[in-house]
Structures are given as C-alpha cells and as structure tokens.
N, C-alpha and C. Protein backbone atom coordinates (compact mmCIF):
# COMPACT_ATOMS: atom_id res chain seq x y z
N MET A 1 -122.27 92.41 -30.79
CA MET A 1 -123.34 91.58 -31.31
C MET A 1 -124.39 91.40 -30.22
N ASP A 2 -125.59 91.78 -30.51
CA ASP A 2 -126.71 91.57 -29.60
C ASP A 2 -127.24 90.17 -29.88
N LYS A 3 -126.90 89.24 -29.00
CA LYS A 3 -127.24 87.84 -29.22
C LYS A 3 -128.74 87.57 -29.15
N THR A 4 -129.49 88.38 -28.41
CA THR A 4 -130.93 88.15 -28.31
C THR A 4 -131.65 88.48 -29.61
N ASN A 5 -131.16 89.50 -30.32
CA ASN A 5 -131.76 89.89 -31.60
C ASN A 5 -130.94 89.43 -32.81
N ASN A 6 -129.78 88.85 -32.53
CA ASN A 6 -128.87 88.37 -33.57
C ASN A 6 -128.52 89.47 -34.58
N ARG A 7 -128.13 90.63 -34.03
CA ARG A 7 -127.72 91.74 -34.89
C ARG A 7 -126.67 92.58 -34.17
N TYR A 8 -125.92 93.34 -34.94
CA TYR A 8 -124.89 94.20 -34.40
C TYR A 8 -125.50 95.54 -33.98
N SER A 9 -124.94 96.12 -32.94
CA SER A 9 -125.33 97.47 -32.56
C SER A 9 -124.06 98.27 -32.32
N ARG A 10 -124.17 99.57 -32.37
CA ARG A 10 -123.01 100.44 -32.16
C ARG A 10 -122.98 100.93 -30.72
N TYR A 11 -121.79 101.14 -30.22
CA TYR A 11 -121.65 101.70 -28.88
C TYR A 11 -121.83 103.20 -28.96
N ALA A 12 -122.48 103.76 -27.96
CA ALA A 12 -122.72 105.19 -27.94
C ALA A 12 -121.78 105.88 -26.96
N LYS A 13 -120.59 105.33 -26.79
CA LYS A 13 -119.56 106.04 -26.04
C LYS A 13 -118.28 105.91 -26.83
N CYS A 14 -117.44 106.89 -26.68
CA CYS A 14 -116.19 106.93 -27.43
C CYS A 14 -115.04 106.69 -26.48
N VAL A 15 -114.04 105.99 -26.98
CA VAL A 15 -112.91 105.58 -26.15
C VAL A 15 -111.62 106.13 -26.75
N THR A 16 -110.76 106.63 -25.89
CA THR A 16 -109.44 107.08 -26.31
C THR A 16 -108.45 106.83 -25.18
N GLY A 17 -107.19 106.92 -25.49
CA GLY A 17 -106.15 106.80 -24.47
C GLY A 17 -105.64 108.17 -24.09
N ALA A 18 -105.16 108.29 -22.87
CA ALA A 18 -104.56 109.54 -22.40
C ALA A 18 -103.37 109.21 -21.51
N GLY A 19 -102.41 110.09 -21.48
CA GLY A 19 -101.21 109.87 -20.67
C GLY A 19 -99.99 109.72 -21.54
N GLU A 20 -98.95 109.12 -20.98
CA GLU A 20 -97.69 108.90 -21.69
C GLU A 20 -97.28 107.46 -21.50
N ASP A 21 -96.58 106.92 -22.50
CA ASP A 21 -96.13 105.53 -22.39
C ASP A 21 -95.22 105.31 -21.20
N GLU A 22 -94.36 106.27 -20.93
CA GLU A 22 -93.40 106.15 -19.83
C GLU A 22 -93.76 107.17 -18.75
N PRO A 23 -94.19 106.72 -17.56
CA PRO A 23 -94.49 107.67 -16.48
C PRO A 23 -93.24 108.43 -16.06
N THR A 24 -93.39 109.72 -15.82
CA THR A 24 -92.26 110.54 -15.38
C THR A 24 -92.68 111.34 -14.16
N TRP A 25 -91.68 111.86 -13.46
CA TRP A 25 -91.99 112.73 -12.33
C TRP A 25 -92.71 113.94 -12.85
N GLY A 26 -93.64 114.42 -12.08
CA GLY A 26 -94.44 115.56 -12.50
C GLY A 26 -95.76 115.13 -13.13
N MET A 27 -95.94 113.82 -13.33
CA MET A 27 -97.22 113.34 -13.84
C MET A 27 -98.25 113.44 -12.73
N PRO A 28 -99.53 113.38 -13.07
CA PRO A 28 -100.56 113.37 -12.02
C PRO A 28 -100.33 112.23 -11.05
N ASP A 29 -100.72 112.44 -9.80
CA ASP A 29 -100.53 111.40 -8.79
C ASP A 29 -101.69 110.40 -8.78
N ASN A 30 -102.66 110.59 -9.65
CA ASN A 30 -103.77 109.66 -9.78
C ASN A 30 -104.13 109.56 -11.25
N TYR A 31 -104.26 108.33 -11.75
CA TYR A 31 -104.50 108.10 -13.17
C TYR A 31 -105.77 108.80 -13.68
N THR A 32 -106.75 109.05 -12.81
CA THR A 32 -108.01 109.66 -13.26
C THR A 32 -107.76 111.03 -13.88
N LYS A 33 -106.71 111.72 -13.45
CA LYS A 33 -106.42 113.06 -13.97
C LYS A 33 -106.00 113.02 -15.43
N PHE A 34 -105.49 111.88 -15.93
CA PHE A 34 -105.20 111.76 -17.36
C PHE A 34 -106.47 112.04 -18.14
N CYS A 35 -107.58 111.50 -17.67
CA CYS A 35 -108.87 111.65 -18.36
C CYS A 35 -109.54 112.98 -18.03
N THR A 36 -109.68 113.27 -16.75
CA THR A 36 -110.46 114.45 -16.34
C THR A 36 -109.83 115.75 -16.81
N SER A 37 -108.52 115.81 -16.96
CA SER A 37 -107.88 117.04 -17.43
C SER A 37 -108.24 117.34 -18.88
N ALA A 38 -108.73 116.33 -19.61
CA ALA A 38 -109.13 116.53 -21.00
C ALA A 38 -110.66 116.52 -21.14
N GLY A 39 -111.38 116.61 -20.02
CA GLY A 39 -112.83 116.62 -20.07
C GLY A 39 -113.46 115.25 -20.29
N LEU A 40 -112.71 114.20 -20.01
CA LEU A 40 -113.16 112.83 -20.20
C LEU A 40 -113.31 112.15 -18.84
N THR A 41 -113.82 110.93 -18.83
CA THR A 41 -113.87 110.13 -17.61
C THR A 41 -113.19 108.80 -17.86
N PRO A 42 -112.66 108.16 -16.80
CA PRO A 42 -112.04 106.85 -16.97
C PRO A 42 -113.04 105.84 -17.53
N LEU A 43 -112.57 104.96 -18.38
CA LEU A 43 -113.42 104.02 -19.09
C LEU A 43 -114.05 102.99 -18.16
N ALA A 44 -115.36 102.79 -18.33
CA ALA A 44 -116.09 101.72 -17.64
C ALA A 44 -116.38 100.63 -18.67
N ILE A 45 -115.94 99.42 -18.41
CA ILE A 45 -116.16 98.29 -19.30
C ILE A 45 -117.27 97.45 -18.67
N LEU A 46 -118.41 97.41 -19.33
CA LEU A 46 -119.60 96.85 -18.70
C LEU A 46 -120.03 95.48 -19.23
N SER A 47 -119.31 94.94 -20.21
CA SER A 47 -119.70 93.63 -20.74
C SER A 47 -118.53 93.00 -21.49
N GLN A 48 -118.66 91.72 -21.75
CA GLN A 48 -117.65 91.01 -22.54
C GLN A 48 -117.62 91.57 -23.97
N ASP A 49 -118.77 91.99 -24.48
CA ASP A 49 -118.81 92.58 -25.82
C ASP A 49 -117.96 93.85 -25.88
N GLU A 50 -118.06 94.69 -24.87
CA GLU A 50 -117.22 95.89 -24.84
C GLU A 50 -115.75 95.52 -24.72
N GLU A 51 -115.43 94.53 -23.93
CA GLU A 51 -114.05 94.06 -23.78
C GLU A 51 -113.52 93.57 -25.14
N ASN A 52 -114.34 92.81 -25.85
CA ASN A 52 -113.94 92.31 -27.17
C ASN A 52 -113.74 93.46 -28.15
N TYR A 53 -114.61 94.45 -28.08
CA TYR A 53 -114.47 95.62 -28.94
C TYR A 53 -113.12 96.31 -28.70
N LEU A 54 -112.77 96.52 -27.43
CA LEU A 54 -111.49 97.15 -27.10
C LEU A 54 -110.33 96.36 -27.67
N TYR A 55 -110.39 95.06 -27.47
CA TYR A 55 -109.30 94.21 -27.96
C TYR A 55 -109.16 94.34 -29.47
N ASN A 56 -110.27 94.25 -30.18
CA ASN A 56 -110.23 94.30 -31.64
C ASN A 56 -109.90 95.68 -32.19
N ALA A 57 -110.41 96.72 -31.56
CA ALA A 57 -110.21 98.07 -32.08
C ALA A 57 -108.88 98.68 -31.69
N PHE A 58 -108.38 98.36 -30.50
CA PHE A 58 -107.18 99.04 -30.02
C PHE A 58 -105.95 98.15 -29.86
N TYR A 59 -106.15 96.92 -29.48
CA TYR A 59 -105.01 96.12 -29.07
C TYR A 59 -104.62 94.98 -29.98
N TYR A 60 -105.45 94.61 -30.91
CA TYR A 60 -105.22 93.42 -31.71
C TYR A 60 -103.83 93.40 -32.34
N SER A 61 -103.38 94.54 -32.86
CA SER A 61 -102.07 94.60 -33.51
C SER A 61 -101.01 95.25 -32.63
N SER A 62 -101.34 95.47 -31.37
CA SER A 62 -100.42 96.15 -30.45
C SER A 62 -99.60 95.14 -29.66
N THR A 63 -98.41 95.58 -29.24
CA THR A 63 -97.59 94.72 -28.38
C THR A 63 -97.79 95.06 -26.92
N SER A 64 -98.43 96.18 -26.63
CA SER A 64 -98.67 96.59 -25.25
C SER A 64 -100.13 96.95 -25.06
N ALA A 65 -100.73 96.40 -24.03
CA ALA A 65 -102.14 96.68 -23.77
C ALA A 65 -102.35 97.28 -22.40
N ILE A 66 -101.29 97.56 -21.69
CA ILE A 66 -101.45 98.00 -20.31
C ILE A 66 -101.92 99.44 -20.24
N ALA A 67 -103.09 99.62 -19.66
CA ALA A 67 -103.64 100.95 -19.46
C ALA A 67 -104.63 100.89 -18.29
N TYR A 68 -104.67 101.97 -17.53
CA TYR A 68 -105.67 102.06 -16.47
C TYR A 68 -107.07 102.05 -17.07
N ILE A 69 -108.00 101.49 -16.34
CA ILE A 69 -109.42 101.58 -16.66
C ILE A 69 -110.10 102.20 -15.44
N GLY A 70 -111.37 102.50 -15.52
CA GLY A 70 -112.05 103.21 -14.44
C GLY A 70 -112.38 102.38 -13.21
N LEU A 71 -112.12 101.09 -13.22
CA LEU A 71 -112.42 100.24 -12.07
C LEU A 71 -111.46 100.56 -10.92
N HIS A 72 -112.04 100.77 -9.73
CA HIS A 72 -111.23 101.12 -8.56
C HIS A 72 -111.99 100.72 -7.29
N GLN A 73 -111.28 100.73 -6.18
CA GLN A 73 -111.93 100.43 -4.90
C GLN A 73 -112.45 101.71 -4.27
N ASP A 74 -113.69 101.64 -3.77
CA ASP A 74 -114.25 102.79 -3.08
C ASP A 74 -113.77 102.80 -1.63
N SER A 75 -114.28 103.72 -0.82
CA SER A 75 -113.83 103.87 0.57
C SER A 75 -114.14 102.64 1.43
N LYS A 76 -115.09 101.80 0.98
CA LYS A 76 -115.44 100.59 1.73
C LYS A 76 -114.72 99.36 1.20
N GLY A 77 -113.87 99.52 0.17
CA GLY A 77 -113.11 98.41 -0.39
C GLY A 77 -113.84 97.64 -1.48
N ASN A 78 -114.99 98.17 -1.94
CA ASN A 78 -115.73 97.52 -3.03
C ASN A 78 -115.18 98.00 -4.37
N TRP A 79 -115.15 97.12 -5.36
CA TRP A 79 -114.73 97.51 -6.71
C TRP A 79 -115.90 98.17 -7.41
N VAL A 80 -115.67 99.40 -7.92
CA VAL A 80 -116.71 100.21 -8.55
C VAL A 80 -116.14 100.92 -9.78
N TRP A 81 -117.04 101.41 -10.63
CA TRP A 81 -116.68 102.20 -11.81
C TRP A 81 -117.04 103.66 -11.56
N TYR A 82 -116.53 104.54 -12.43
CA TYR A 82 -116.99 105.93 -12.48
C TYR A 82 -117.98 106.06 -13.63
N ASP A 83 -119.05 106.85 -13.42
CA ASP A 83 -119.93 107.17 -14.53
C ASP A 83 -119.44 108.47 -15.17
N GLU A 84 -120.22 109.01 -16.11
CA GLU A 84 -119.78 110.21 -16.84
C GLU A 84 -119.67 111.45 -15.95
N ASN A 85 -120.23 111.42 -14.75
CA ASN A 85 -120.12 112.53 -13.80
C ASN A 85 -119.16 112.23 -12.67
N MET A 86 -118.36 111.17 -12.82
CA MET A 86 -117.40 110.73 -11.81
C MET A 86 -118.07 110.25 -10.54
N ASN A 87 -119.33 109.82 -10.63
CA ASN A 87 -120.00 109.16 -9.52
C ASN A 87 -119.71 107.67 -9.61
N GLU A 88 -119.64 107.01 -8.47
CA GLU A 88 -119.30 105.59 -8.45
C GLU A 88 -120.55 104.71 -8.58
N PHE A 89 -120.40 103.58 -9.29
CA PHE A 89 -121.48 102.60 -9.36
C PHE A 89 -120.88 101.20 -9.40
N SER A 90 -121.65 100.24 -8.92
CA SER A 90 -121.18 98.85 -8.81
C SER A 90 -121.24 98.14 -10.16
N PRO A 91 -120.24 97.30 -10.42
CA PRO A 91 -120.24 96.55 -11.67
C PRO A 91 -121.06 95.27 -11.58
N SER A 92 -121.52 94.81 -12.74
CA SER A 92 -122.17 93.50 -12.82
C SER A 92 -121.31 92.56 -13.65
N TYR A 93 -120.23 93.09 -14.23
CA TYR A 93 -119.33 92.31 -15.08
C TYR A 93 -117.91 92.46 -14.54
N PHE A 94 -117.18 91.36 -14.44
CA PHE A 94 -115.77 91.37 -14.03
C PHE A 94 -114.97 90.55 -15.02
N ASN A 95 -113.71 90.92 -15.19
CA ASN A 95 -112.83 90.17 -16.08
C ASN A 95 -111.42 90.11 -15.49
N TRP A 96 -111.32 89.71 -14.23
CA TRP A 96 -110.03 89.64 -13.56
C TRP A 96 -109.16 88.56 -14.20
N GLY A 97 -107.87 88.83 -14.28
CA GLY A 97 -106.92 87.82 -14.72
C GLY A 97 -106.81 86.76 -13.65
N SER A 98 -106.28 85.62 -14.01
CA SER A 98 -106.13 84.50 -13.08
C SER A 98 -105.31 84.93 -11.85
N GLY A 99 -105.89 84.76 -10.67
CA GLY A 99 -105.22 85.11 -9.42
C GLY A 99 -105.39 86.55 -8.98
N TYR A 100 -106.07 87.36 -9.77
CA TYR A 100 -106.29 88.77 -9.43
C TYR A 100 -107.71 88.96 -8.92
N PRO A 101 -107.90 90.01 -8.10
CA PRO A 101 -106.95 91.00 -7.60
C PRO A 101 -106.01 90.39 -6.55
N MET A 102 -104.80 90.98 -6.50
CA MET A 102 -103.76 90.48 -5.60
C MET A 102 -103.41 91.48 -4.50
N ASN A 103 -104.27 92.48 -4.28
CA ASN A 103 -104.00 93.55 -3.30
C ASN A 103 -102.74 94.34 -3.63
N LEU A 104 -102.52 94.58 -4.93
CA LEU A 104 -101.38 95.38 -5.37
C LEU A 104 -101.70 96.86 -5.39
N GLY A 105 -102.98 97.19 -5.31
CA GLY A 105 -103.41 98.58 -5.33
C GLY A 105 -104.91 98.65 -5.40
N LYS A 106 -105.42 99.88 -5.38
CA LYS A 106 -106.86 100.10 -5.35
C LYS A 106 -107.42 100.51 -6.71
N CYS A 107 -106.63 100.36 -7.75
CA CYS A 107 -107.08 100.68 -9.10
C CYS A 107 -106.84 99.47 -9.99
N ALA A 108 -107.37 99.52 -11.21
CA ALA A 108 -107.24 98.38 -12.12
C ALA A 108 -106.67 98.82 -13.46
N ILE A 109 -105.94 97.90 -14.07
CA ILE A 109 -105.42 98.09 -15.42
C ILE A 109 -105.98 96.99 -16.32
N SER A 110 -106.00 97.27 -17.59
CA SER A 110 -106.34 96.27 -18.59
C SER A 110 -105.03 95.80 -19.19
N ASP A 111 -104.89 94.50 -19.36
CA ASP A 111 -103.63 93.92 -19.87
C ASP A 111 -103.96 92.67 -20.67
N PHE A 112 -103.02 92.22 -21.46
CA PHE A 112 -103.21 90.96 -22.17
C PHE A 112 -103.26 89.80 -21.20
N SER A 113 -104.02 88.77 -21.56
CA SER A 113 -104.01 87.52 -20.79
C SER A 113 -102.66 86.85 -21.01
N ASN A 114 -102.37 85.82 -20.23
CA ASN A 114 -101.08 85.13 -20.36
C ASN A 114 -100.84 84.60 -21.77
N ASP A 115 -101.89 84.18 -22.47
CA ASP A 115 -101.74 83.68 -23.83
C ASP A 115 -101.94 84.77 -24.89
N SER A 116 -102.13 86.02 -24.47
CA SER A 116 -102.28 87.19 -25.35
C SER A 116 -103.46 87.09 -26.31
N THR A 117 -104.47 86.31 -25.98
CA THR A 117 -105.62 86.17 -26.87
C THR A 117 -106.79 87.05 -26.48
N HIS A 118 -106.76 87.64 -25.30
CA HIS A 118 -107.84 88.52 -24.86
C HIS A 118 -107.32 89.42 -23.75
N LEU A 119 -108.16 90.35 -23.32
CA LEU A 119 -107.78 91.28 -22.26
C LEU A 119 -108.29 90.78 -20.91
N VAL A 120 -107.53 91.08 -19.87
CA VAL A 120 -107.94 90.79 -18.49
C VAL A 120 -107.61 91.99 -17.64
N TRP A 121 -108.16 92.02 -16.43
CA TRP A 121 -107.91 93.12 -15.51
C TRP A 121 -106.98 92.66 -14.41
N LYS A 122 -106.15 93.61 -13.94
CA LYS A 122 -105.24 93.36 -12.83
C LYS A 122 -105.28 94.59 -11.93
N ASP A 123 -105.11 94.38 -10.63
CA ASP A 123 -105.10 95.53 -9.74
C ASP A 123 -103.71 96.16 -9.75
N ALA A 124 -103.67 97.47 -9.48
CA ALA A 124 -102.42 98.24 -9.52
C ALA A 124 -102.55 99.46 -8.64
N ASP A 125 -101.41 100.05 -8.29
CA ASP A 125 -101.38 101.31 -7.56
C ASP A 125 -102.01 102.39 -8.43
N CYS A 126 -102.73 103.32 -7.83
CA CYS A 126 -103.41 104.38 -8.58
C CYS A 126 -102.47 105.49 -9.04
N ASP A 127 -101.27 105.54 -8.49
CA ASP A 127 -100.29 106.56 -8.84
C ASP A 127 -99.38 106.04 -9.95
N PRO A 128 -99.44 106.64 -11.15
CA PRO A 128 -98.62 106.16 -12.26
C PRO A 128 -97.12 106.12 -11.96
N GLN A 129 -96.66 107.02 -11.12
CA GLN A 129 -95.23 107.05 -10.82
C GLN A 129 -94.79 105.85 -9.98
N TYR A 130 -95.72 105.26 -9.24
CA TYR A 130 -95.40 104.07 -8.45
C TYR A 130 -95.72 102.78 -9.20
N SER A 131 -96.79 102.79 -9.98
CA SER A 131 -97.18 101.58 -10.70
C SER A 131 -96.32 101.35 -11.94
N GLY A 132 -95.85 102.45 -12.54
CA GLY A 132 -95.09 102.34 -13.77
C GLY A 132 -95.97 102.36 -15.01
N TYR A 133 -97.28 102.54 -14.86
CA TYR A 133 -98.21 102.58 -15.99
C TYR A 133 -98.60 104.03 -16.25
N GLY A 134 -98.37 104.50 -17.46
CA GLY A 134 -98.60 105.90 -17.76
C GLY A 134 -99.76 106.20 -18.69
N MET A 135 -100.55 105.18 -19.03
CA MET A 135 -101.68 105.39 -19.93
C MET A 135 -102.99 105.03 -19.24
N SER A 136 -104.05 105.72 -19.64
CA SER A 136 -105.38 105.43 -19.13
C SER A 136 -106.35 105.42 -20.30
N LEU A 137 -107.30 104.50 -20.25
CA LEU A 137 -108.38 104.50 -21.23
C LEU A 137 -109.49 105.40 -20.70
N CYS A 138 -109.95 106.31 -21.54
CA CYS A 138 -110.95 107.29 -21.15
C CYS A 138 -112.15 107.19 -22.08
N GLN A 139 -113.26 107.75 -21.63
CA GLN A 139 -114.48 107.70 -22.43
C GLN A 139 -115.20 109.03 -22.41
N LEU A 140 -116.04 109.18 -23.42
CA LEU A 140 -116.92 110.32 -23.53
C LEU A 140 -118.15 109.84 -24.26
N GLY A 141 -119.31 110.23 -23.80
CA GLY A 141 -120.52 109.85 -24.50
C GLY A 141 -120.57 110.47 -25.87
N ALA A 142 -121.00 109.70 -26.85
CA ALA A 142 -121.11 110.20 -28.21
C ALA A 142 -122.32 111.12 -28.31
N CYS A 143 -122.27 112.03 -29.27
CA CYS A 143 -123.44 112.89 -29.46
C CYS A 143 -124.61 112.07 -29.98
N ASP A 144 -124.31 111.01 -30.74
CA ASP A 144 -125.29 110.00 -31.09
C ASP A 144 -124.54 108.75 -31.54
N ALA A 145 -125.21 107.65 -31.66
CA ALA A 145 -124.56 106.39 -31.97
C ALA A 145 -124.01 106.33 -33.39
N GLU A 146 -124.38 107.26 -34.24
CA GLU A 146 -123.90 107.26 -35.62
C GLU A 146 -122.67 108.16 -35.80
N SER A 147 -122.27 108.89 -34.78
CA SER A 147 -121.23 109.90 -34.91
C SER A 147 -119.85 109.29 -35.02
N VAL A 148 -119.13 109.67 -36.05
CA VAL A 148 -117.73 109.29 -36.19
C VAL A 148 -116.89 110.16 -35.26
N ALA A 149 -117.34 111.38 -35.01
CA ALA A 149 -116.58 112.34 -34.21
C ALA A 149 -116.59 111.98 -32.74
N CYS A 150 -117.49 111.17 -32.31
CA CYS A 150 -117.53 110.70 -30.92
C CYS A 150 -117.61 111.82 -29.90
N GLY A 151 -118.34 112.86 -30.20
CA GLY A 151 -118.57 113.91 -29.22
C GLY A 151 -117.43 114.88 -29.07
N PHE A 152 -116.31 114.69 -29.80
CA PHE A 152 -115.18 115.58 -29.64
C PHE A 152 -115.25 116.76 -30.60
N ILE A 153 -115.86 116.58 -31.75
CA ILE A 153 -116.04 117.67 -32.70
C ILE A 153 -117.43 117.57 -33.28
N ASN A 154 -117.80 118.53 -34.07
CA ASN A 154 -119.08 118.56 -34.76
C ASN A 154 -120.28 118.59 -33.81
N LEU A 155 -120.08 118.91 -32.58
CA LEU A 155 -121.20 119.08 -31.67
C LEU A 155 -121.61 120.54 -31.70
N PRO A 156 -122.87 120.82 -31.66
CA PRO A 156 -123.29 122.23 -31.63
C PRO A 156 -122.71 122.93 -30.40
N ASN A 157 -122.26 124.14 -30.60
CA ASN A 157 -121.69 124.91 -29.49
C ASN A 157 -122.75 125.77 -28.79
N ILE A 158 -124.00 125.51 -29.09
CA ILE A 158 -125.09 126.26 -28.47
C ILE A 158 -125.07 126.02 -26.96
N ASN A 159 -125.21 127.05 -26.21
CA ASN A 159 -125.29 127.02 -24.75
C ASN A 159 -124.01 126.56 -24.06
N LEU A 160 -122.89 126.49 -24.77
CA LEU A 160 -121.63 126.17 -24.12
C LEU A 160 -120.98 127.46 -23.65
N THR A 161 -120.37 127.42 -22.48
CA THR A 161 -119.62 128.57 -22.01
C THR A 161 -118.32 128.65 -22.79
N LEU A 162 -117.65 129.77 -22.73
CA LEU A 162 -116.37 129.94 -23.41
C LEU A 162 -115.35 128.91 -22.88
N VAL A 163 -115.38 128.66 -21.60
CA VAL A 163 -114.47 127.68 -21.00
C VAL A 163 -114.74 126.29 -21.58
N GLU A 164 -116.02 125.91 -21.70
CA GLU A 164 -116.37 124.60 -22.25
C GLU A 164 -115.94 124.49 -23.71
N LYS A 165 -116.12 125.56 -24.50
CA LYS A 165 -115.70 125.54 -25.89
C LYS A 165 -114.19 125.35 -25.99
N LYS A 166 -113.44 126.09 -25.17
CA LYS A 166 -111.98 125.97 -25.19
C LYS A 166 -111.54 124.57 -24.75
N LYS A 167 -112.20 124.02 -23.75
CA LYS A 167 -111.86 122.68 -23.27
C LYS A 167 -112.10 121.64 -24.37
N ARG A 168 -113.23 121.77 -25.07
CA ARG A 168 -113.56 120.83 -26.15
C ARG A 168 -112.50 120.90 -27.25
N MET A 169 -112.14 122.10 -27.65
CA MET A 169 -111.15 122.25 -28.72
C MET A 169 -109.77 121.78 -28.26
N ALA A 170 -109.41 122.05 -27.01
CA ALA A 170 -108.12 121.61 -26.49
C ALA A 170 -108.05 120.09 -26.47
N ALA A 171 -109.15 119.44 -26.09
CA ALA A 171 -109.17 117.97 -26.06
C ALA A 171 -108.98 117.40 -27.45
N TYR A 172 -109.57 118.03 -28.45
CA TYR A 172 -109.45 117.51 -29.81
C TYR A 172 -108.03 117.70 -30.36
N LYS A 173 -107.32 118.71 -29.89
CA LYS A 173 -105.98 118.98 -30.40
C LYS A 173 -104.91 118.12 -29.74
N LEU A 174 -105.25 117.37 -28.69
CA LEU A 174 -104.27 116.52 -28.03
C LEU A 174 -103.73 115.50 -29.03
N PRO A 175 -102.42 115.19 -28.98
CA PRO A 175 -101.86 114.22 -29.92
C PRO A 175 -102.57 112.87 -29.88
N GLN A 176 -102.95 112.41 -28.69
CA GLN A 176 -103.62 111.10 -28.61
C GLN A 176 -105.00 111.15 -29.27
N MET A 177 -105.66 112.32 -29.28
CA MET A 177 -106.95 112.43 -29.93
C MET A 177 -106.80 112.36 -31.45
N LYS A 178 -105.76 113.04 -31.98
CA LYS A 178 -105.52 112.97 -33.41
C LYS A 178 -105.20 111.54 -33.82
N GLN A 179 -104.38 110.88 -33.01
CA GLN A 179 -104.03 109.49 -33.28
C GLN A 179 -105.27 108.61 -33.16
N PHE A 180 -106.12 108.86 -32.18
CA PHE A 180 -107.36 108.09 -31.98
C PHE A 180 -108.24 108.18 -33.21
N HIS A 181 -108.48 109.41 -33.71
CA HIS A 181 -109.36 109.57 -34.85
C HIS A 181 -108.76 108.95 -36.11
N LYS A 182 -107.44 109.09 -36.28
CA LYS A 182 -106.79 108.51 -37.45
C LYS A 182 -106.90 106.99 -37.40
N LYS A 183 -106.64 106.39 -36.25
CA LYS A 183 -106.68 104.94 -36.09
C LYS A 183 -108.11 104.41 -36.23
N ASN A 184 -109.08 105.09 -35.63
CA ASN A 184 -110.44 104.58 -35.60
C ASN A 184 -111.24 104.89 -36.85
N LEU A 185 -110.71 105.74 -37.72
CA LEU A 185 -111.38 105.95 -38.98
C LEU A 185 -111.41 104.65 -39.77
N LYS A 186 -110.33 103.84 -39.63
CA LYS A 186 -110.28 102.54 -40.29
C LYS A 186 -111.38 101.63 -39.75
N VAL A 187 -111.60 101.66 -38.44
CA VAL A 187 -112.62 100.82 -37.82
C VAL A 187 -114.00 101.24 -38.30
N VAL A 188 -114.26 102.53 -38.37
CA VAL A 188 -115.56 103.04 -38.79
C VAL A 188 -115.84 102.65 -40.24
N ARG A 189 -114.82 102.69 -41.09
CA ARG A 189 -115.00 102.37 -42.51
C ARG A 189 -115.44 100.91 -42.69
N LYS A 190 -115.15 100.02 -41.75
CA LYS A 190 -115.52 98.62 -41.87
C LYS A 190 -117.02 98.44 -41.81
N PHE A 191 -117.76 99.38 -41.17
CA PHE A 191 -119.21 99.27 -41.09
C PHE A 191 -119.77 99.57 -42.45
C-alpha cells in the first residue's frame, strides 16, 4: 500500500525459496550459492511493506519461516544487501528481532517474531552446515510489474546466449520454482 497516494502497487521483483529444509554435507558453504546457482540473487527486503508482503504471501500459513535473506556484513562489518548484480549497498530499513544482532554470524535470516505475528531478522553463520538453516529467499527482477511469470518464463529469448537460455529453463524446472508458481498463482488471482 502506497500510503502517500492511498493505493496499492505491485512489486516488480519476484521472490522464491532455494535450498533444502534440512542442510546436509555437500551443500554449498555459503547460502548465496542457493540463489546464484539458479541465476537468482539473495533477497533484499527494503521496507516494512515488503516484509508484510513476504509474511502474507509465504509464511502466513507456514509453521517455519527460517530462511536466509541477502543481508550480510561486508568486509568493514557494516550490514549491507546484495543488488541484482551481487554488488553491496547499504540498507535504510532494518527489522532486527529483539536483542539482535547477537554476533552469531555475518549473515541474516528471516524468522517469526516471538509472538509469531510478523517476521524479524536474526544474525546467523553464513554456512548452512554450521547454522542448520538450509533455505534462502532469492529474487529476480520481473520482466514487468504485471507479469505472473516473474521473469522466469515468457521472456523473449532474443539476444540470449545458449548458456543463458539453458540456465533460465533449468531455473524454471527446479522443484521449488514449480512450487513457487503453484503457490503464488493463488496470490495473483486475489488481484
């Protein structure tokens, strides 16, 4: 909801989960690889509205909300996000849980608040095998704000290399992508 204009707007980035519920040996040693291996980037949450959207679209009926987000500490110890090119930028919005960060790691997860009514951030180890968290929220820019496909399908293949075409199709065939589209079709129909 855009409070200045008192109207709803659509987000022009698409969100999905990547990884496995239970971390196992042989998983990537950094959560970012869950996203980047599928041609995605770790999710940047830039406002309370985006946080509310995530809660309502993904977690409202879920019993587990723990997933890595793109917030991490840079080489100087500042908390930063990744953009769509994996470049770092400073946040203007924070949603730390009470008492966090606790110096538990240099990455952040999204989790339910103590009363389970909203999402909060907590710091965690960046290695899923040490943190015990095997999922990451990832993003991709939509081809346009009206797209149900969210940039994963129905994009023109003009000027794409063969490698890029194969990567796009492989990302769409991932089980979490099929589940994402099936789950979010319900959300889209509400508009």
